N, C-alpha and C. Protein backbone atom coordinates (compact mmCIF):
# COMPACT_ATOMS: atom_id res chain seq x y z
N MET A 1 -46.13 -18.49 24.80
CA MET A 1 -45.04 -18.95 23.99
C MET A 1 -44.19 -19.91 24.81
N SER A 2 -43.92 -21.07 24.25
CA SER A 2 -43.16 -22.06 25.00
C SER A 2 -41.66 -21.76 24.93
N LEU A 3 -40.92 -22.43 25.76
CA LEU A 3 -39.48 -22.23 25.85
C LEU A 3 -38.79 -22.61 24.54
N GLY A 4 -39.28 -23.62 23.83
CA GLY A 4 -38.71 -24.05 22.55
C GLY A 4 -38.86 -22.99 21.48
N GLN A 5 -40.01 -22.30 21.49
CA GLN A 5 -40.25 -21.25 20.50
C GLN A 5 -39.37 -20.03 20.78
N VAL A 6 -39.14 -19.71 22.03
CA VAL A 6 -38.28 -18.58 22.38
C VAL A 6 -36.84 -18.87 21.95
N GLU A 7 -36.42 -20.10 22.23
CA GLU A 7 -35.07 -20.48 21.83
C GLU A 7 -34.91 -20.43 20.31
N LEU A 8 -35.91 -20.90 19.58
CA LEU A 8 -35.88 -20.86 18.12
C LEU A 8 -35.84 -19.42 17.62
N ALA A 9 -36.64 -18.54 18.22
CA ALA A 9 -36.65 -17.14 17.83
C ALA A 9 -35.29 -16.48 18.08
N LEU A 10 -34.67 -16.78 19.21
CA LEU A 10 -33.34 -16.23 19.51
C LEU A 10 -32.29 -16.74 18.53
N ARG A 11 -32.38 -18.00 18.15
CA ARG A 11 -31.43 -18.54 17.18
C ARG A 11 -31.61 -17.90 15.80
N VAL A 12 -32.85 -17.66 15.41
CA VAL A 12 -33.10 -17.01 14.12
C VAL A 12 -32.58 -15.58 14.14
N ILE A 13 -32.80 -14.87 15.23
CA ILE A 13 -32.29 -13.50 15.36
C ILE A 13 -30.76 -13.49 15.32
N ALA A 14 -30.13 -14.42 16.02
CA ALA A 14 -28.66 -14.50 16.02
C ALA A 14 -28.14 -14.84 14.63
N GLY A 15 -28.82 -15.74 13.94
CA GLY A 15 -28.42 -16.09 12.57
C GLY A 15 -28.53 -14.91 11.62
N LEU A 16 -29.62 -14.16 11.74
CA LEU A 16 -29.79 -12.97 10.90
C LEU A 16 -28.71 -11.94 11.20
N PHE A 17 -28.37 -11.78 12.47
CA PHE A 17 -27.32 -10.83 12.84
C PHE A 17 -25.98 -11.25 12.24
N VAL A 18 -25.67 -12.54 12.31
CA VAL A 18 -24.40 -13.04 11.78
C VAL A 18 -24.34 -12.86 10.27
N ILE A 19 -25.45 -12.92 9.58
CA ILE A 19 -25.48 -12.75 8.14
C ILE A 19 -25.49 -11.27 7.75
N VAL A 20 -26.27 -10.47 8.43
CA VAL A 20 -26.48 -9.08 8.02
C VAL A 20 -25.38 -8.14 8.52
N ALA A 21 -24.88 -8.33 9.72
CA ALA A 21 -23.90 -7.40 10.30
C ALA A 21 -22.63 -7.27 9.46
N PRO A 22 -21.98 -8.36 9.03
CA PRO A 22 -20.78 -8.19 8.21
C PRO A 22 -21.05 -7.48 6.90
N THR A 23 -22.20 -7.73 6.30
CA THR A 23 -22.56 -7.05 5.06
C THR A 23 -22.69 -5.56 5.27
N LEU A 24 -23.35 -5.16 6.33
CA LEU A 24 -23.51 -3.73 6.62
C LEU A 24 -22.17 -3.08 6.95
N LEU A 25 -21.32 -3.78 7.69
CA LEU A 25 -19.99 -3.26 7.99
C LEU A 25 -19.15 -3.09 6.72
N PHE A 26 -19.24 -4.06 5.82
CA PHE A 26 -18.50 -3.97 4.57
C PHE A 26 -18.99 -2.79 3.73
N LEU A 27 -20.29 -2.62 3.64
CA LEU A 27 -20.84 -1.51 2.86
C LEU A 27 -20.44 -0.17 3.48
N GLY A 28 -20.41 -0.08 4.79
CA GLY A 28 -19.97 1.14 5.44
C GLY A 28 -18.51 1.42 5.17
N LEU A 29 -17.67 0.39 5.20
CA LEU A 29 -16.26 0.54 4.89
C LEU A 29 -16.09 0.99 3.44
N TRP A 30 -16.83 0.40 2.54
CA TRP A 30 -16.75 0.75 1.12
C TRP A 30 -17.10 2.22 0.90
N ARG A 31 -18.18 2.67 1.51
CA ARG A 31 -18.57 4.08 1.35
C ARG A 31 -17.56 5.02 2.00
N GLY A 32 -16.98 4.60 3.11
CA GLY A 32 -15.96 5.42 3.76
C GLY A 32 -14.72 5.55 2.89
N LEU A 33 -14.31 4.45 2.26
CA LEU A 33 -13.16 4.50 1.38
C LEU A 33 -13.44 5.35 0.14
N GLU A 34 -14.65 5.27 -0.37
CA GLU A 34 -15.01 6.12 -1.51
C GLU A 34 -14.95 7.59 -1.13
N ALA A 35 -15.36 7.91 0.08
CA ALA A 35 -15.34 9.31 0.53
C ALA A 35 -13.92 9.80 0.73
N MET A 36 -12.98 8.92 1.06
CA MET A 36 -11.61 9.33 1.34
C MET A 36 -10.71 9.29 0.11
N ARG A 37 -11.18 8.76 -0.99
CA ARG A 37 -10.30 8.61 -2.15
C ARG A 37 -9.83 9.96 -2.66
N ASP A 38 -8.65 9.94 -3.24
CA ASP A 38 -8.02 11.15 -3.74
C ASP A 38 -8.17 11.16 -5.25
N ASP A 39 -9.11 11.96 -5.77
CA ASP A 39 -9.40 11.98 -7.19
C ASP A 39 -8.20 12.44 -8.02
N GLU A 40 -7.41 13.38 -7.51
CA GLU A 40 -6.25 13.86 -8.25
C GLU A 40 -5.23 12.74 -8.43
N LEU A 41 -5.00 11.96 -7.38
CA LEU A 41 -4.07 10.84 -7.47
C LEU A 41 -4.58 9.80 -8.47
N ILE A 42 -5.86 9.53 -8.46
CA ILE A 42 -6.44 8.56 -9.39
C ILE A 42 -6.26 9.05 -10.82
N GLN A 43 -6.45 10.34 -11.06
CA GLN A 43 -6.27 10.89 -12.40
C GLN A 43 -4.82 10.79 -12.86
N GLN A 44 -3.87 11.04 -11.95
CA GLN A 44 -2.45 10.93 -12.31
C GLN A 44 -2.10 9.49 -12.68
N VAL A 45 -2.57 8.54 -11.90
CA VAL A 45 -2.28 7.12 -12.18
C VAL A 45 -2.92 6.72 -13.50
N HIS A 46 -4.13 7.17 -13.75
CA HIS A 46 -4.82 6.86 -15.00
C HIS A 46 -4.06 7.46 -16.19
N HIS A 47 -3.59 8.70 -16.04
CA HIS A 47 -2.84 9.37 -17.11
C HIS A 47 -1.54 8.61 -17.40
N ARG A 48 -0.83 8.19 -16.36
CA ARG A 48 0.41 7.44 -16.56
C ARG A 48 0.15 6.09 -17.21
N ALA A 49 -0.96 5.45 -16.85
CA ALA A 49 -1.29 4.16 -17.46
C ALA A 49 -1.60 4.35 -18.94
N GLU A 50 -2.29 5.42 -19.29
CA GLU A 50 -2.57 5.70 -20.70
C GLU A 50 -1.27 5.96 -21.46
N MET A 51 -0.36 6.71 -20.85
CA MET A 51 0.92 6.99 -21.51
C MET A 51 1.71 5.71 -21.71
N ARG A 52 1.68 4.83 -20.72
CA ARG A 52 2.41 3.57 -20.81
C ARG A 52 1.81 2.69 -21.90
N ASP A 53 0.48 2.68 -22.01
CA ASP A 53 -0.17 1.87 -23.03
C ASP A 53 0.12 2.39 -24.44
N GLN A 54 0.24 3.69 -24.58
CA GLN A 54 0.49 4.29 -25.89
C GLN A 54 1.94 4.17 -26.30
N SER A 55 2.85 4.10 -25.36
CA SER A 55 4.27 4.09 -25.64
C SER A 55 4.82 2.67 -25.68
N PRO A 56 5.45 2.27 -26.79
CA PRO A 56 6.02 0.93 -26.84
C PRO A 56 7.34 0.80 -26.08
N THR A 57 7.97 1.93 -25.77
CA THR A 57 9.25 1.88 -25.06
C THR A 57 9.13 2.59 -23.73
N ARG A 58 10.04 2.29 -22.83
CA ARG A 58 10.04 2.93 -21.53
C ARG A 58 10.66 4.32 -21.57
N ALA A 59 11.31 4.69 -22.66
CA ALA A 59 11.98 5.99 -22.74
C ALA A 59 10.99 7.14 -22.64
N ASP A 60 9.74 6.92 -23.02
CA ASP A 60 8.74 7.98 -22.99
C ASP A 60 8.02 8.11 -21.66
N TRP A 61 8.25 7.20 -20.74
CA TRP A 61 7.55 7.23 -19.47
C TRP A 61 8.04 8.40 -18.64
N PRO A 62 7.15 9.07 -17.91
CA PRO A 62 7.62 10.11 -16.99
C PRO A 62 8.31 9.45 -15.79
N VAL A 63 9.40 10.02 -15.40
CA VAL A 63 10.18 9.44 -14.31
C VAL A 63 10.22 10.45 -13.17
N ASP A 64 9.85 10.01 -11.99
CA ASP A 64 9.96 10.85 -10.80
C ASP A 64 11.27 10.49 -10.11
N THR A 65 12.29 11.25 -10.38
CA THR A 65 13.59 10.94 -9.80
C THR A 65 13.95 11.98 -8.76
N LEU A 66 14.56 11.51 -7.72
CA LEU A 66 15.10 12.38 -6.69
C LEU A 66 16.60 12.30 -6.79
N THR A 67 17.25 13.43 -6.63
CA THR A 67 18.70 13.43 -6.73
C THR A 67 19.32 13.79 -5.41
N GLY A 68 20.54 13.37 -5.24
CA GLY A 68 21.33 13.76 -4.08
C GLY A 68 20.71 13.29 -2.78
N ASP A 69 20.60 14.23 -1.84
CA ASP A 69 20.12 13.91 -0.50
C ASP A 69 18.66 13.52 -0.47
N GLU A 70 17.87 13.99 -1.44
CA GLU A 70 16.44 13.67 -1.45
C GLU A 70 16.20 12.19 -1.70
N ALA A 71 17.10 11.54 -2.43
CA ALA A 71 16.90 10.14 -2.78
C ALA A 71 17.18 9.20 -1.63
N SER A 72 17.91 9.63 -0.64
CA SER A 72 18.30 8.75 0.45
C SER A 72 17.32 8.85 1.61
N PRO A 73 16.70 7.74 1.98
CA PRO A 73 15.82 7.77 3.15
C PRO A 73 16.60 7.97 4.44
N LEU A 74 17.90 7.72 4.40
CA LEU A 74 18.73 7.88 5.58
C LEU A 74 19.26 9.30 5.74
N SER A 75 19.02 10.16 4.74
CA SER A 75 19.56 11.51 4.79
C SER A 75 18.89 12.36 5.86
N GLU A 76 17.67 12.02 6.25
CA GLU A 76 16.96 12.81 7.25
C GLU A 76 17.42 12.48 8.66
N THR A 77 18.14 11.40 8.81
CA THR A 77 18.63 11.01 10.13
C THR A 77 20.12 11.28 10.19
N ASN A 78 20.67 11.22 11.35
CA ASN A 78 22.10 11.44 11.53
C ASN A 78 22.87 10.12 11.55
N MET A 79 22.36 9.09 10.89
CA MET A 79 23.00 7.79 10.88
C MET A 79 24.09 7.78 9.82
N SER A 80 25.16 7.04 10.09
CA SER A 80 26.21 6.92 9.08
C SER A 80 25.76 5.88 8.06
N VAL A 81 26.16 6.09 6.82
CA VAL A 81 25.70 5.23 5.74
C VAL A 81 26.89 4.63 5.01
N VAL A 82 26.64 3.49 4.39
CA VAL A 82 27.60 2.83 3.52
C VAL A 82 26.93 2.73 2.16
N THR A 83 27.61 3.17 1.14
CA THR A 83 27.06 3.10 -0.21
C THR A 83 27.43 1.76 -0.85
N CYS A 84 26.46 1.12 -1.46
CA CYS A 84 26.68 -0.16 -2.13
C CYS A 84 27.56 0.07 -3.35
N GLY A 85 28.57 -0.76 -3.51
CA GLY A 85 29.47 -0.65 -4.65
C GLY A 85 28.83 -1.10 -5.95
N THR A 86 27.79 -1.91 -5.88
CA THR A 86 27.15 -2.43 -7.08
C THR A 86 26.10 -1.48 -7.64
N CYS A 87 25.16 -1.05 -6.77
CA CYS A 87 24.05 -0.23 -7.26
C CYS A 87 24.07 1.20 -6.76
N GLY A 88 24.90 1.52 -5.77
CA GLY A 88 25.01 2.88 -5.27
C GLY A 88 23.96 3.27 -4.25
N THR A 89 23.20 2.33 -3.74
CA THR A 89 22.16 2.60 -2.75
C THR A 89 22.78 2.84 -1.38
N PRO A 90 22.39 3.91 -0.68
CA PRO A 90 22.89 4.12 0.68
C PRO A 90 22.24 3.13 1.65
N ASN A 91 23.05 2.52 2.50
CA ASN A 91 22.58 1.57 3.49
C ASN A 91 23.11 1.98 4.86
N MET A 92 22.47 1.49 5.91
CA MET A 92 22.94 1.78 7.26
C MET A 92 24.32 1.18 7.46
N GLN A 93 25.08 1.77 8.36
CA GLN A 93 26.46 1.37 8.61
C GLN A 93 26.57 -0.09 9.03
N ASP A 94 25.64 -0.59 9.85
CA ASP A 94 25.73 -1.95 10.36
C ASP A 94 25.06 -2.99 9.47
N ALA A 95 24.62 -2.61 8.26
CA ALA A 95 23.96 -3.55 7.35
C ALA A 95 24.99 -4.49 6.74
N SER A 96 24.63 -5.75 6.59
CA SER A 96 25.51 -6.73 5.98
C SER A 96 25.27 -6.85 4.48
N TYR A 97 24.02 -6.61 4.07
CA TYR A 97 23.64 -6.74 2.67
C TYR A 97 22.93 -5.47 2.22
N CYS A 98 23.05 -5.16 0.95
CA CYS A 98 22.38 -3.98 0.36
C CYS A 98 20.88 -4.19 0.38
N GLN A 99 20.14 -3.15 0.76
CA GLN A 99 18.69 -3.27 0.82
C GLN A 99 18.05 -3.28 -0.56
N GLU A 100 18.78 -2.86 -1.59
CA GLU A 100 18.21 -2.80 -2.94
C GLU A 100 18.57 -4.04 -3.75
N CYS A 101 19.86 -4.35 -3.86
CA CYS A 101 20.29 -5.44 -4.75
C CYS A 101 20.74 -6.69 -4.00
N LEU A 102 20.77 -6.64 -2.68
CA LEU A 102 21.12 -7.77 -1.81
C LEU A 102 22.57 -8.25 -1.98
N THR A 103 23.44 -7.35 -2.46
CA THR A 103 24.86 -7.65 -2.54
C THR A 103 25.48 -7.51 -1.17
N GLU A 104 26.42 -8.37 -0.83
CA GLU A 104 27.07 -8.28 0.47
C GLU A 104 27.92 -7.00 0.52
N LEU A 105 27.75 -6.23 1.59
CA LEU A 105 28.48 -4.98 1.73
C LEU A 105 29.82 -5.24 2.39
N GLU A 106 30.77 -4.36 2.10
CA GLU A 106 32.12 -4.52 2.66
C GLU A 106 32.17 -4.00 4.07
């Protein structure tokens, strides 16, 4: 086998690797994601989408609301908070603007 044929064979092998390797990696990722999916979560999202499609108004939608301390992401820390006068969202003490409505804080 001459040197030109060896070089050609190596280039063909490298080309096949460049084409096949990403495809195999993608298929492995796809199967891994399928194995990790949460069927219960998918069913809940599907059920909510069906309810939304059937309901012409938002009043019938299920609402996951947290009240009081549960609603504030800052409640778990010992940071002082400033409540927005416009929307009532708790913000960090040193924040200049509300994280929810972007109103300037006092």
